[in-house]
PDB file of N, CA and C in Angstrom:
ATOM      1  N   MET A   1       0.835  -1.080   0.052  1.00  0.00           N
ATOM      2  CA  MET A   1       0.134   0.068   0.109  1.00  0.00           C
ATOM      3  C   MET A   1       0.949   0.869  -0.024  1.00  0.00           C
ATOM      4  N   SER A   2       0.564   2.213  -0.487  1.00  0.00           N
ATOM      5  CA  SER A   2       1.594   3.522  -0.930  1.00  0.00           C
ATOM      6  C   SER A   2       1.028   4.403   0.344  1.00  0.00           C
ATOM      7  N   HIS A   3       1.935   5.393   0.516  1.00  0.00           N
ATOM      8  CA  HIS A   3       1.588   6.326   1.447  1.00  0.00           C
ATOM      9  C   HIS A   3       0.376   7.206   1.289  1.00  0.00           C
ATOM     10  N   SER A   4      -0.092   7.300   0.236  1.00  0.00           N
ATOM     11  CA  SER A   4      -1.217   8.098  -0.222  1.00  0.00           C
ATOM     12  C   SER A   4      -2.118   7.510   0.300  1.00  0.00           C
ATOM     13  N   ASN A   5      -2.364   6.475   0.052  1.00  0.00           N
ATOM     14  CA  ASN A   5      -3.630   5.211   0.583  1.00  0.00           C
ATOM     15  C   ASN A   5      -3.427   5.222   1.836  1.00  0.00           C
ATOM     16  N   ASP A   6      -2.464   5.076   2.581  1.00  0.00           N
ATOM     17  CA  ASP A   6      -2.412   4.890   4.179  1.00  0.00           C
ATOM     18  C   ASP A   6      -3.002   6.528   4.374  1.00  0.00           C
ATOM     19  N   THR A   7      -2.611   7.448   4.044  1.00  0.00           N
ATOM     20  CA  THR A   7      -2.950   9.104   4.322  1.00  0.00           C
ATOM     21  C   THR A   7      -4.618   8.955   4.255  1.00  0.00           C
ATOM     22  N   ALA A   8      -5.059   8.639   2.970  1.00  0.00           N
ATOM     23  CA  ALA A   8      -6.553   8.596   2.612  1.00  0.00           C
ATOM     24  C   ALA A   8      -7.359   7.663   3.393  1.00  0.00           C
ATOM     25  N   THR A   9      -6.784   6.664   3.723  1.00  0.00           N
ATOM     26  CA  THR A   9      -7.428   5.484   5.018  1.00  0.00           C
ATOM     27  C   THR A   9      -7.435   6.281   6.473  1.00  0.00           C
ATOM     28  N   GLY A  10      -6.294   6.783   6.730  1.00  0.00           N
ATOM     29  CA  GLY A  10      -6.417   7.463   8.133  1.00  0.00           C
ATOM     30  C   GLY A  10      -7.236   8.793   8.088  1.00  0.00           C
ATOM     31  N   GLN A  11      -7.396   9.462   7.060  1.00  0.00           N
ATOM     32  CA  GLN A  11      -8.181  10.633   6.781  1.00  0.00           C
ATOM     33  C   GLN A  11      -9.979  10.008   7.148  1.00  0.00           C
ATOM     34  N   VAL A  12     -10.271   9.045   6.147  1.00  0.00           N
ATOM     35  CA  VAL A  12     -11.632   8.544   6.399  1.00  0.00           C
ATOM     36  C   VAL A  12     -11.851   7.804   7.865  1.00  0.00           C
ATOM     37  N   ARG A  13     -11.041   7.270   8.557  1.00  0.00           N
ATOM     38  CA  ARG A  13     -11.047   6.831   9.701  1.00  0.00           C
ATOM     39  C   ARG A  13     -11.369   8.027  10.908  1.00  0.00           C
ATOM     40  N   LEU A  14     -10.607   8.855  10.544  1.00  0.00           N
ATOM     41  CA  LEU A  14     -10.728  10.188  11.661  1.00  0.00           C
ATOM     42  C   LEU A  14     -12.076  10.789  11.094  1.00  0.00           C
ATOM     43  N   ALA A  15     -12.303  11.133  10.118  1.00  0.00           N
ATOM     44  CA  ALA A  15     -13.592  11.355   9.468  1.00  0.00           C
ATOM     45  C   ALA A  15     -14.866  10.729  10.227  1.00  0.00           C
ATOM     46  N   VAL A  16     -14.664   9.366  10.155  1.00  0.00           N
ATOM     47  CA  VAL A  16     -15.883   8.417  10.715  1.00  0.00           C
ATOM     48  C   VAL A  16     -15.860   8.839  12.236  1.00  0.00           C
ATOM     49  N   VAL A  17     -14.791   8.731  12.826  1.00  0.00           N
ATOM     50  CA  VAL A  17     -14.778   8.908  14.538  1.00  0.00           C
ATOM     51  C   VAL A  17     -15.448  10.399  14.626  1.00  0.00           C
ATOM     52  N   MET A  18     -15.004  11.356  13.875  1.00  0.00           N
ATOM     53  CA  MET A  18     -15.325  12.785  14.273  1.00  0.00           C
ATOM     54  C   MET A  18     -17.225  12.738  14.041  1.00  0.00           C
ATOM     55  N   ASP A  19     -17.219  12.071  13.059  1.00  0.00           N
ATOM     56  CA  ASP A  19     -19.080  12.200  12.810  1.00  0.00           C
ATOM     57  C   ASP A  19     -19.675  11.285  13.936  1.00  0.00           C
ATOM     58  N   VAL A  20     -19.135  10.355  14.295  1.00  0.00           N
ATOM     59  CA  VAL A  20     -20.037   9.569  14.993  1.00  0.00           C
ATOM     60  C   VAL A  20     -19.913  10.242  16.348  1.00  0.00           C
ATOM     61  N   LEU A  21     -18.918  10.871  17.268  1.00  0.00           N
ATOM     62  CA  LEU A  21     -18.581  11.619  17.987  1.00  0.00           C
ATOM     63  C   LEU A  21     -19.552  12.777  18.233  1.00  0.00           C
ATOM     64  N   SER A  22     -19.576  13.610  17.021  1.00  0.00           N
ATOM     65  CA  SER A  22     -20.546  14.597  16.871  1.00  0.00           C
ATOM     66  C   SER A  22     -21.642  14.276  17.080  1.00  0.00           C
ATOM     67  N   VAL A  23     -22.279  13.153  16.694  1.00  0.00           N
ATOM     68  CA  VAL A  23     -23.745  12.909  16.748  1.00  0.00           C
ATOM     69  C   VAL A  23     -24.043  12.555  18.113  1.00  0.00           C
ATOM     70  N   ALA A  24     -23.017  11.708  18.612  1.00  0.00           N
ATOM     71  CA  ALA A  24     -23.103  11.486  20.427  1.00  0.00           C
ATOM     72  C   ALA A  24     -23.345  12.602  20.944  1.00  0.00           C
ATOM     73  N   VAL A  25     -22.208  13.697  20.782  1.00  0.00           N
ATOM     74  CA  VAL A  25     -22.294  14.502  21.704  1.00  0.00           C
ATOM     75  C   VAL A  25     -23.271  15.345  21.413  1.00  0.00           C
ATOM     76  N   PHE A  26     -24.134  15.216  20.215  1.00  0.00           N
ATOM     77  CA  PHE A  26     -25.258  16.196  20.105  1.00  0.00           C
ATOM     78  C   PHE A  26     -26.566  15.621  20.636  1.00  0.00           C
ATOM     79  N   VAL A  27     -26.440  14.208  20.832  1.00  0.00           N
ATOM     80  CA  VAL A  27     -27.691  13.607  21.876  1.00  0.00           C
ATOM     81  C   VAL A  27     -27.664  13.426  23.192  1.00  0.00           C
ATOM     82  N   ILE A  28     -26.092  13.433  23.348  1.00  0.00           N
ATOM     83  CA  ILE A  28     -26.228  13.670  25.091  1.00  0.00           C
ATOM     84  C   ILE A  28     -26.196  14.964  25.388  1.00  0.00           C
ATOM     85  N   ILE A  29     -25.817  15.743  24.894  1.00  0.00           N
ATOM     86  CA  ILE A  29     -26.255  17.090  25.169  1.00  0.00           C
ATOM     87  C   ILE A  29     -27.556  17.606  25.044  1.00  0.00           C
ATOM     88  N   GLY A  30     -28.228  17.271  24.280  1.00  0.00           N
ATOM     89  CA  GLY A  30     -29.881  17.438  23.976  1.00  0.00           C
ATOM     90  C   GLY A  30     -30.638  16.474  25.046  1.00  0.00           C
ATOM     91  N   ARG A  31     -30.207  15.272  25.437  1.00  0.00           N
ATOM     92  CA  ARG A  31     -31.056  14.660  26.460  1.00  0.00           C
ATOM     93  C   ARG A  31     -30.801  15.258  27.894  1.00  0.00           C
ATOM     94  N   LEU A  32     -29.430  15.611  27.982  1.00  0.00           N
ATOM     95  CA  LEU A  32     -29.302  16.205  29.508  1.00  0.00           C
ATOM     96  C   LEU A  32     -30.090  17.850  29.427  1.00  0.00           C
ATOM     97  N   SER A  33     -30.146  18.718  28.312  1.00  0.00           N
ATOM     98  CA  SER A  33     -30.697  19.738  28.415  1.00  0.00           C
ATOM     99  C   SER A  33     -32.275  19.727  28.667  1.00  0.00           C
ATOM    100  N   HIS A  34     -32.595  18.627  28.174  1.00  0.00           N
ATOM    101  CA  HIS A  34     -34.161  18.296  28.735  1.00  0.00           C
ATOM    102  C   HIS A  34     -34.432  17.360  30.033  1.00  0.00           C
ATOM    103  N   HIS A  35     -33.173  17.347  30.822  1.00  0.00           N
ATOM    104  CA  HIS A  35     -33.213  16.638  31.916  1.00  0.00           C
ATOM    105  C   HIS A  35     -33.736  15.196  31.843  1.00  0.00           C
ATOM    106  N   GLU A  36     -33.232  14.472  30.654  1.00  0.00           N
ATOM    107  CA  GLU A  36     -33.534  13.063  30.305  1.00  0.00           C
ATOM    108  C   GLU A  36     -32.424  12.153  30.675  1.00  0.00           C
ATOM    109  N   THR A  37     -32.522  11.147  31.432  1.00  0.00           N
ATOM    110  CA  THR A  37     -31.547  10.184  31.733  1.00  0.00           C
ATOM    111  C   THR A  37     -30.513   9.569  30.526  1.00  0.00           C
ATOM    112  N   LEU A  38     -29.556   9.461  31.018  1.00  0.00           N
ATOM    113  CA  LEU A  38     -28.411   8.791  29.917  1.00  0.00           C
ATOM    114  C   LEU A  38     -28.236   7.405  29.963  1.00  0.00           C
ATOM    115  N   THR A  39     -29.710   6.844  30.268  1.00  0.00           N
ATOM    116  CA  THR A  39     -29.279   5.106  30.398  1.00  0.00           C
ATOM    117  C   THR A  39     -29.479   4.536  28.861  1.00  0.00           C
ATOM    118  N   PRO A  40     -28.863   3.671  28.682  1.00  0.00           N
ATOM    119  CA  PRO A  40     -28.230   2.806  27.497  1.00  0.00           C
ATOM    120  C   PRO A  40     -29.989   2.712  26.773  1.00  0.00           C
ATOM    121  N   GLY A  41     -30.812   2.689  27.096  1.00  0.00           N
ATOM    122  CA  GLY A  41     -31.844   2.404  26.460  1.00  0.00           C
ATOM    123  C   GLY A  41     -32.461   3.853  25.640  1.00  0.00           C
ATOM    124  N   GLY A  42     -32.169   4.759  26.674  1.00  0.00           N
ATOM    125  CA  GLY A  42     -32.738   6.419  26.223  1.00  0.00           C
ATOM    126  C   GLY A  42     -31.936   6.793  25.109  1.00  0.00           C
ATOM    127  N   LEU A  43     -30.594   6.529  25.561  1.00  0.00           N
ATOM    128  CA  LEU A  43     -29.597   6.926  24.413  1.00  0.00           C
ATOM    129  C   LEU A  43     -29.731   6.276  23.255  1.00  0.00           C
ATOM    130  N   LEU A  44     -30.068   4.899  23.201  1.00  0.00           N
ATOM    131  CA  LEU A  44     -30.219   4.225  22.064  1.00  0.00           C
ATOM    132  C   LEU A  44     -31.185   4.702  21.046  1.00  0.00           C
ATOM    133  N   ARG A  45     -32.611   4.769  21.921  1.00  0.00           N
ATOM    134  CA  ARG A  45     -33.710   5.562  21.118  1.00  0.00           C
ATOM    135  C   ARG A  45     -33.157   7.032  20.508  1.00  0.00           C
ATOM    136  N   THR A  46     -32.885   7.621  21.297  1.00  0.00           N
ATOM    137  CA  THR A  46     -32.549   9.003  20.697  1.00  0.00           C
ATOM    138  C   THR A  46     -31.153   8.923  19.808  1.00  0.00           C
ATOM    139  N   ILE A  47     -30.345   8.260  19.603  1.00  0.00           N
ATOM    140  CA  ILE A  47     -29.285   8.190  18.725  1.00  0.00           C
ATOM    141  C   ILE A  47     -29.363   7.717  17.381  1.00  0.00           C
ATOM    142  N   VAL A  48     -30.259   6.299  17.752  1.00  0.00           N
ATOM    143  CA  VAL A  48     -30.422   5.456  16.219  1.00  0.00           C
ATOM    144  C   VAL A  48     -30.787   6.324  15.061  1.00  0.00           C
ATOM    145  N   PRO A  49     -32.049   6.968  14.978  1.00  0.00           N
ATOM    146  CA  PRO A  49     -32.309   7.841  13.876  1.00  0.00           C
ATOM    147  C   PRO A  49     -31.167   8.799  13.241  1.00  0.00           C
ATOM    148  N   PHE A  50     -30.305   9.343  14.103  1.00  0.00           N
ATOM    149  CA  PHE A  50     -29.392  10.328  13.680  1.00  0.00           C
ATOM    150  C   PHE A  50     -28.022   9.054  13.077  1.00  0.00           C
ATOM    151  N   PHE A  51     -27.816   7.794  13.721  1.00  0.00           N
ATOM    152  CA  PHE A  51     -26.938   7.087  13.129  1.00  0.00           C
ATOM    153  C   PHE A  51     -27.274   6.547  11.871  1.00  0.00           C
ATOM    154  N   VAL A  52     -28.510   6.446  11.528  1.00  0.00           N
ATOM    155  CA  VAL A  52     -29.149   5.790  10.370  1.00  0.00           C
ATOM    156  C   VAL A  52     -28.912   6.717   9.393  1.00  0.00           C
ATOM    157  N   GLY A  53     -29.284   8.258   9.824  1.00  0.00           N
ATOM    158  CA  GLY A  53     -29.043   9.326   8.917  1.00  0.00           C
ATOM    159  C   GLY A  53     -27.681   9.318   8.365  1.00  0.00           C
ATOM    160  N   LEU A  54     -26.586   9.375   9.495  1.00  0.00           N
ATOM    161  CA  LEU A  54     -25.271   9.169   9.435  1.00  0.00           C
ATOM    162  C   LEU A  54     -24.678   8.295   8.263  1.00  0.00           C
ATOM    163  N   VAL A  55     -25.310   7.335   8.479  1.00  0.00           N
ATOM    164  CA  VAL A  55     -24.768   5.762   7.440  1.00  0.00           C
ATOM    165  C   VAL A  55     -25.296   6.445   5.936  1.00  0.00           C
ATOM    166  N   VAL A  56     -26.530   6.932   5.639  1.00  0.00           N
ATOM    167  CA  VAL A  56     -27.065   7.370   4.734  1.00  0.00           C
ATOM    168  C   VAL A  56     -26.276   8.213   3.843  1.00  0.00           C
ATOM    169  N   GLY A  57     -25.772   9.382   5.005  1.00  0.00           N
ATOM    170  CA  GLY A  57     -24.940  10.366   4.243  1.00  0.00           C
ATOM    171  C   GLY A  57     -23.521   9.836   3.964  1.00  0.00           C
ATOM    172  N   TRP A  58     -22.942   8.846   4.771  1.00  0.00           N
ATOM    173  CA  TRP A  58     -21.677   8.449   4.265  1.00  0.00           C
ATOM    174  C   TRP A  58     -21.802   7.335   3.261  1.00  0.00           C
ATOM    175  N   THR A  59     -22.849   6.652   2.935  1.00  0.00           N
ATOM    176  CA  THR A  59     -23.112   5.902   1.966  1.00  0.00           C
ATOM    177  C   THR A  59     -23.382   7.126   0.655  1.00  0.00           C
ATOM    178  N   ALA A  60     -23.970   8.067   0.715  1.00  0.00           N
ATOM    179  CA  ALA A  60     -23.946   9.113  -0.555  1.00  0.00           C
ATOM    180  C   ALA A  60     -22.513   9.612  -0.647  1.00  0.00           C
ATOM    181  N   VAL A  61     -21.917   9.590  -0.117  1.00  0.00           N
ATOM    182  CA  VAL A  61     -20.609  10.361  -0.365  1.00  0.00           C
ATOM    183  C   VAL A  61     -19.596   9.107  -0.824  1.00  0.00           C
ATOM    184  N   VAL A  62     -19.609   8.053  -0.289  1.00  0.00           N
ATOM    185  CA  VAL A  62     -18.850   6.920  -0.821  1.00  0.00           C
ATOM    186  C   VAL A  62     -19.305   6.711  -2.429  1.00  0.00           C
ATOM    187  N   VAL A  63     -20.801   6.679  -2.570  1.00  0.00           N
ATOM    188  CA  VAL A  63     -21.172   6.467  -3.846  1.00  0.00           C
ATOM    189  C   VAL A  63     -20.828   7.919  -5.005  1.00  0.00           C
ATOM    190  N   LEU A  64     -21.054   8.825  -4.352  1.00  0.00           N
ATOM    191  CA  LEU A  64     -20.495  10.006  -5.434  1.00  0.00           C
ATOM    192  C   LEU A  64     -18.975  10.130  -5.227  1.00  0.00           C
ATOM    193  N   ARG A  65     -18.411   9.155  -4.734  1.00  0.00           N
ATOM    194  CA  ARG A  65     -16.830   9.551  -4.741  1.00  0.00           C
ATOM    195  C   ARG A  65     -16.331  11.028  -4.187  1.00  0.00           C
ATOM    196  N   MET A  66     -16.844  11.434  -3.043  1.00  0.00           N
ATOM    197  CA  MET A  66     -16.417  12.801  -2.570  1.00  0.00           C
ATOM    198  C   MET A  66     -15.494  12.527  -1.577  1.00  0.00           C
ATOM    199  N   SER A  67     -14.865  13.500  -1.048  1.00  0.00           N
ATOM    200  CA  SER A  67     -13.968  13.384  -0.144  1.00  0.00           C
ATOM    201  C   SER A  67     -14.578  13.700   1.106  1.00  0.00           C
ATOM    202  N   ALA A  68     -14.604  12.217   1.889  1.00  0.00           N
ATOM    203  CA  ALA A  68     -15.369  12.455   2.987  1.00  0.00           C
ATOM    204  C   ALA A  68     -14.781  13.531   4.434  1.00  0.00           C
ATOM    205  N   ALA A  69     -13.739  13.626   4.348  1.00  0.00           N
ATOM    206  CA  ALA A  69     -12.775  14.729   5.158  1.00  0.00           C
ATOM    207  C   ALA A  69     -12.708  16.167   4.673  1.00  0.00           C
ATOM    208  N   ARG A  70     -13.534  16.363   3.404  1.00  0.00           N
ATOM    209  CA  ARG A  70     -13.561  17.731   3.186  1.00  0.00           C
ATOM    210  C   ARG A  70     -15.111  18.370   3.525  1.00  0.00           C
ATOM    211  N   TRP A  71     -15.172  19.534   3.410  1.00  0.00           N
ATOM    212  CA  TRP A  71     -16.363  20.163   3.891  1.00  0.00           C
ATOM    213  C   TRP A  71     -17.588  19.837   2.741  1.00  0.00           C
ATOM    214  N   ARG A  72     -17.311  19.686   1.533  1.00  0.00           N
ATOM    215  CA  ARG A  72     -18.650  19.332   0.991  1.00  0.00           C
ATOM    216  C   ARG A  72     -19.127  17.954   1.182  1.00  0.00           C
ATOM    217  N   GLY A  73     -18.274  17.021   1.492  1.00  0.00           N
ATOM    218  CA  GLY A  73     -18.472  15.736   2.034  1.00  0.00           C
ATOM    219  C   GLY A  73     -19.416  15.843   3.189  1.00  0.00           C
ATOM    220  N   GLY A  74     -18.907  16.916   4.105  1.00  0.00           N
ATOM    221  CA  GLY A  74     -19.420  17.117   5.338  1.00  0.00           C
ATOM    222  C   GLY A  74     -21.108  17.588   5.378  1.00  0.00           C
ATOM    223  N   VAL A  75     -21.196  18.390   4.138  1.00  0.00           N
ATOM    224  CA  VAL A  75     -22.630  19.178   3.889  1.00  0.00           C
ATOM    225  C   VAL A  75     -23.461  17.865   3.690  1.00  0.00           C
ATOM    226  N   VAL A  76     -23.039  16.742   2.797  1.00  0.00           N
ATOM    227  CA  VAL A  76     -23.910  15.653   2.526  1.00  0.00           C
ATOM    228  C   VAL A  76     -23.957  14.918   3.331  1.00  0.00           C
ATOM    229  N   VAL A  77     -22.973  14.797   4.509  1.00  0.00           N
ATOM    230  CA  VAL A  77     -23.686  13.719   5.740  1.00  0.00           C
ATOM    231  C   VAL A  77     -24.319  14.802   6.665  1.00  0.00           C
ATOM    232  N   TRP A  78     -24.127  15.831   6.847  1.00  0.00           N
ATOM    233  CA  TRP A  78     -25.000  16.480   7.457  1.00  0.00           C
ATOM    234  C   TRP A  78     -26.324  16.507   7.156  1.00  0.00           C
ATOM    235  N   ALA A  79     -26.643  16.793   5.829  1.00  0.00           N
ATOM    236  CA  ALA A  79     -27.885  16.837   5.518  1.00  0.00           C
ATOM    237  C   ALA A  79     -28.634  15.380   5.515  1.00  0.00           C
ATOM    238  N   ALA A  80     -27.893  14.691   5.210  1.00  0.00           N
ATOM    239  CA  ALA A  80     -28.548  12.835   5.612  1.00  0.00           C
ATOM    240  C   ALA A  80     -28.879  12.878   7.067  1.00  0.00           C
ATOM    241  N   THR A  81     -27.893  13.285   7.710  1.00  0.00           N
ATOM    242  CA  THR A  81     -27.917  12.780   9.119  1.00  0.00           C
ATOM    243  C   THR A  81     -29.492  13.739   9.906  1.00  0.00           C
ATOM    244  N   LEU A  82     -29.404  15.058   9.328  1.00  0.00           N
ATOM    245  CA  LEU A  82     -30.601  15.679   9.821  1.00  0.00           C
ATOM    246  C   LEU A  82     -31.871  15.336   9.220  1.00  0.00           C
ATOM    247  N   VAL A  83     -31.951  15.073   7.875  1.00  0.00           N
ATOM    248  CA  VAL A  83     -33.197  14.868   7.120  1.00  0.00           C
ATOM    249  C   VAL A  83     -33.878  13.284   7.794  1.00  0.00           C
ATOM    250  N   VAL A  84     -32.852  12.753   7.550  1.00  0.00           N
ATOM    251  CA  VAL A  84     -33.153  10.806   7.459  1.00  0.00           C
ATOM    252  C   VAL A  84     -33.434  10.941   9.501  1.00  0.00           C
ATOM    253  N   GLY A  85     -32.625  11.463  10.071  1.00  0.00           N
ATOM    254  CA  GLY A  85     -32.904  11.489  11.497  1.00  0.00           C
ATOM    255  C   GLY A  85     -34.344  12.067  12.005  1.00  0.00           C
ATOM    256  N   MET A  86     -34.452  13.232  11.279  1.00  0.00           N
ATOM    257  CA  MET A  86     -35.773  13.517  11.529  1.00  0.00           C
ATOM    258  C   MET A  86     -37.148  12.885  10.891  1.00  0.00           C
ATOM    259  N   VAL A  87     -36.889  12.564   9.999  1.00  0.00           N
ATOM    260  CA  VAL A  87     -37.956  11.445   9.254  1.00  0.00           C
ATOM    261  C   VAL A  87     -38.122  10.493  10.223  1.00  0.00           C
ATOM    262  N   ILE A  88     -37.375   9.347  10.716  1.00  0.00           N
ATOM    263  CA  ILE A  88     -37.224   8.545  11.290  1.00  0.00           C
ATOM    264  C   ILE A  88     -37.907   8.907  13.072  1.00  0.00           C
ATOM    265  N   ARG A  89     -37.563   9.930  13.339  1.00  0.00           N
ATOM    266  CA  ARG A  89     -38.175  10.730  14.736  1.00  0.00           C
ATOM    267  C   ARG A  89     -39.690  10.678  14.566  1.00  0.00           C
ATOM    268  N   HIS A  90     -39.919  11.361  13.297  1.00  0.00           N
ATOM    269  CA  HIS A  90     -41.384  11.352  13.140  1.00  0.00           C
ATOM    270  C   HIS A  90     -41.994  10.279  13.030  1.00  0.00           C
ATOM    271  N   PHE A  91     -41.677   9.332  12.300  1.00  0.00           N
ATOM    272  CA  PHE A  91     -42.260   8.178  12.345  1.00  0.00           C
ATOM    273  C   PHE A  91     -42.142   7.204  13.467  1.00  0.00           C
ATOM    274  N   THR A  92     -41.225   7.514  14.466  1.00  0.00           N
ATOM    275  CA  THR A  92     -41.114   6.544  15.581  1.00  0.00           C
ATOM    276  C   THR A  92     -41.783   7.664  16.816  1.00  0.00           C
ATOM    277  N   HIS A  93     -42.813   8.734  16.400  1.00  0.00           N
ATOM    278  CA  HIS A  93     -43.561   9.522  17.516  1.00  0.00           C
ATOM    279  C   HIS A  93     -42.523  10.045  18.562  1.00  0.00           C
ATOM    280  N   GLN A  94     -41.088  10.419  18.168  1.00  0.00           N
ATOM    281  CA  GLN A  94     -40.154  11.043  19.006  1.00  0.00           C
ATOM    282  C   GLN A  94     -40.272  12.395  19.002  1.00  0.00           C
ATOM    283  N   GLY A  95     -41.042  13.299  17.926  1.00  0.00           N
ATOM    284  CA  GLY A  95     -40.917  14.876  18.312  1.00  0.00           C
ATOM    285  C   GLY A  95     -39.970  15.478  17.103  1.00  0.00           C
ATOM    286  N   VAL A  96     -40.609  16.175  16.423  1.00  0.00           N
ATOM    287  CA  VAL A  96     -39.964  16.977  15.653  1.00  0.00           C
ATOM    288  C   VAL A  96     -40.340  18.285  15.461  1.00  0.00           C
ATOM    289  N   ALA A  97     -40.443  18.926  16.531  1.00  0.00           N
ATOM    290  CA  ALA A  97     -40.795  20.261  16.743  1.00  0.00           C
ATOM    291  C   ALA A  97     -40.108  21.051  16.146  1.00  0.00           C
ATOM    292  N   VAL A  98     -40.467  22.214  15.310  1.00  0.00           N
ATOM    293  CA  VAL A  98     -39.807  23.092  14.522  1.00  0.00           C
ATOM    294  C   VAL A  98     -38.494  23.576  15.295  1.00  0.00           C
ATOM    295  N   SER A  99     -38.404  24.053  16.285  1.00  0.00           N
ATOM    296  CA  SER A  99     -37.528  24.725  17.227  1.00  0.00           C
ATOM    297  C   SER A  99     -36.540  23.445  17.279  1.00  0.00           C
ATOM    298  N   PHE A 100     -36.785  22.307  17.402  1.00  0.00           N
ATOM    299  CA  PHE A 100     -35.613  21.211  17.507  1.00  0.00           C
ATOM    300  C   PHE A 100     -35.341  20.811  16.010  1.00  0.00           C
ATOM    301  N   VAL A 101     -35.832  21.016  15.263  1.00  0.00           N
ATOM    302  CA  VAL A 101     -35.078  20.791  13.838  1.00  0.00           C
ATOM    303  C   VAL A 101     -34.148  21.856  13.611  1.00  0.00           C
ATOM    304  N   ILE A 102     -34.534  23.123  13.906  1.00  0.00           N
ATOM    305  CA  ILE A 102     -33.693  24.225  13.794  1.00  0.00           C
ATOM    306  C   ILE A 102     -32.553  24.241  14.717  1.00  0.00           C
ATOM    307  N   VAL A 103     -32.572  23.816  15.746  1.00  0.00           N
ATOM    308  CA  VAL A 103     -31.503  23.606  16.800  1.00  0.00           C
ATOM    309  C   VAL A 103     -30.301  22.643  16.215  1.00  0.00           C
ATOM    310  N   ALA A 104     -31.032  21.349  15.837  1.00  0.00           N
ATOM    311  CA  ALA A 104     -30.582  20.062  15.454  1.00  0.00           C
ATOM    312  C   ALA A 104     -29.588  20.593  13.986  1.00  0.00           C
ATOM    313  N   ALA A 105     -30.203  21.174  13.209  1.00  0.00           N
ATOM    314  CA  ALA A 105     -29.760  21.558  11.978  1.00  0.00           C
ATOM    315  C   ALA A 105     -28.229  22.478  12.510  1.00  0.00           C
ATOM    316  N   ILE A 106     -28.685  23.585  13.119  1.00  0.00           N
ATOM    317  CA  ILE A 106     -27.484  24.327  13.557  1.00  0.00           C
ATOM    318  C   ILE A 106     -26.412  23.496  14.388  1.00  0.00           C
ATOM    319  N   PHE A 107     -26.793  22.860  15.024  1.00  0.00           N
ATOM    320  CA  PHE A 107     -25.764  21.769  16.051  1.00  0.00           C
ATOM    321  C   PHE A 107     -24.947  21.085  15.133  1.00  0.00           C
ATOM    322  N   LEU A 108     -25.780  20.228  14.337  1.00  0.00           N
ATOM    323  CA  LEU A 108     -25.239  19.232  13.714  1.00  0.00           C
ATOM    324  C   LEU A 108     -24.453  20.050  12.401  1.00  0.00           C
ATOM    325  N   ALA A 109     -24.811  20.973  11.884  1.00  0.00           N
ATOM    326  CA  ALA A 109     -23.938  21.728  10.904  1.00  0.00           C
ATOM    327  C   ALA A 109     -22.490  22.365  11.664  1.00  0.00           C
ATOM    328  N   LEU A 110     -22.521  22.914  12.725  1.00  0.00           N
ATOM    329  CA  LEU A 110     -21.589  23.257  13.241  1.00  0.00           C
ATOM    330  C   LEU A 110     -20.161  22.002  13.624  1.00  0.00           C
ATOM    331  N   PHE A 111     -21.147  20.790  13.927  1.00  0.00           N
ATOM    332  CA  PHE A 111     -20.230  19.684  14.103  1.00  0.00           C
ATOM    333  C   PHE A 111     -19.625  19.145  13.017  1.00  0.00           C
ATOM    334  N   LEU A 112     -20.531  18.549  12.406  1.00  0.00           N
ATOM    335  CA  LEU A 112     -20.227  17.926  10.989  1.00  0.00           C
ATOM    336  C   LEU A 112     -19.582  18.359   9.896  1.00  0.00           C
ATOM    337  N   ILE A 113     -19.847  19.700   9.856  1.00  0.00           N
ATOM    338  CA  ILE A 113     -18.991  20.669   8.474  1.00  0.00           C
ATOM    339  C   ILE A 113     -17.940  21.123   9.341  1.00  0.00           C
ATOM    340  N   GLY A 114     -18.184  21.710  10.525  1.00  0.00           N
ATOM    341  CA  GLY A 114     -16.906  22.538  11.243  1.00  0.00           C
ATOM    342  C   GLY A 114     -15.718  22.092  11.409  1.00  0.00           C
ATOM    343  N   TRP A 115     -15.761  20.702  11.950  1.00  0.00           N
ATOM    344  CA  TRP A 115     -14.516  19.803  12.149  1.00  0.00           C
ATOM    345  C   TRP A 115     -13.629  20.118  10.767  1.00  0.00           C
ATOM    346  N   ARG A 116     -14.459  19.711   9.451  1.00  0.00           N
ATOM    347  CA  ARG A 116     -13.844  19.702   8.507  1.00  0.00           C
ATOM    348  C   ARG A 116     -13.114  20.812   8.145  1.00  0.00           C
ATOM    349  N   LEU A 117     -13.752  22.116   8.169  1.00  0.00           N
ATOM    350  CA  LEU A 117     -13.266  23.300   8.159  1.00  0.00           C
ATOM    351  C   LEU A 117     -11.940  23.625   9.018  1.00  0.00           C
ATOM    352  N   VAL A 118     -11.967  23.441  10.087  1.00  0.00           N
ATOM    353  CA  VAL A 118     -10.881  23.383  10.918  1.00  0.00           C
ATOM    354  C   VAL A 118      -9.722  22.567  10.381  1.00  0.00           C
ATOM    355  N   ALA A 119      -9.992  21.410   9.970  1.00  0.00           N
ATOM    356  CA  ALA A 119      -8.915  20.473   9.384  1.00  0.00           C
ATOM    357  C   ALA A 119      -8.349  21.226   7.917  1.00  0.00           C
ATOM    358  N   LYS A 120      -9.306  21.748   7.359  1.00  0.00           N
ATOM    359  CA  LYS A 120      -8.878  22.427   6.148  1.00  0.00           C
ATOM    360  C   LYS A 120      -7.866  23.638   6.539  1.00  0.00           C
ATOM    361  N   LEU A 121      -8.143  24.189   7.440  1.00  0.00           N
ATOM    362  CA  LEU A 121      -7.418  25.432   8.089  1.00  0.00           C
ATOM    363  C   LEU A 121      -6.139  24.654   8.252  1.00  0.00           C
ATOM    364  N   VAL A 122      -6.045  24.043   9.039  1.00  0.00           N
ATOM    365  CA  VAL A 122      -4.563  23.486   9.817  1.00  0.00           C
ATOM    366  C   VAL A 122      -3.953  22.607   8.624  1.00  0.00           C
ATOM    367  N   ARG A 123      -4.639  21.883   7.763  1.00  0.00           N
ATOM    368  CA  ARG A 123      -3.985  21.353   6.638  1.00  0.00           C
ATOM    369  C   ARG A 123      -3.344  22.608   5.557  1.00  0.00           C
ATOM    370  N   ARG A 124      -3.935  23.645   5.433  1.00  0.00           N
ATOM    371  CA  ARG A 124      -3.396  24.665   4.983  1.00  0.00           C
ATOM    372  C   ARG A 124      -2.371  25.421   5.550  1.00  0.00           C
ATOM    373  N   HIS A 125      -2.195  25.519   6.823  1.00  0.00           N
ATOM    374  CA  HIS A 125      -1.218  26.189   7.551  1.00  0.00           C
ATOM    375  C   HIS A 125       0.098  25.271   7.763  1.00  0.00           C
ATOM    376  N   SER A 126      -0.255  23.849   7.564  1.00  0.00           N
ATOM    377  CA  SER A 126       0.957  22.962   7.970  1.00  0.00           C
ATOM    378  C   SER A 126       2.009  22.755   6.481  1.00  0.00           C
TER     379      SER A 126
END
């Protein structure tokens, strides 16, 4: 395997870890802000819709041959995570109030796209 393949593989792994952590932080902060417990069942019920959306977004990035670690890939991952997550929440009666959708859209954009923009700045200055 060449050095560039090692680097690309490392970037993909980092992107997956950062995205999973971003969604997990979103769910944990959300549950805590609504005084909900962090039991495994509660966390799972809340996080699964967004993880499904994350997988859909990552699948789209792979199919479209986009760089998952770049901001454009982040936009695709963000949109899928948000939309699919909200659709699943709607059909599982978990609530999709407009205010929640707005907060989720902003938080997930800051985290799923934001870390990619920071990484771009770091790459540019190194």
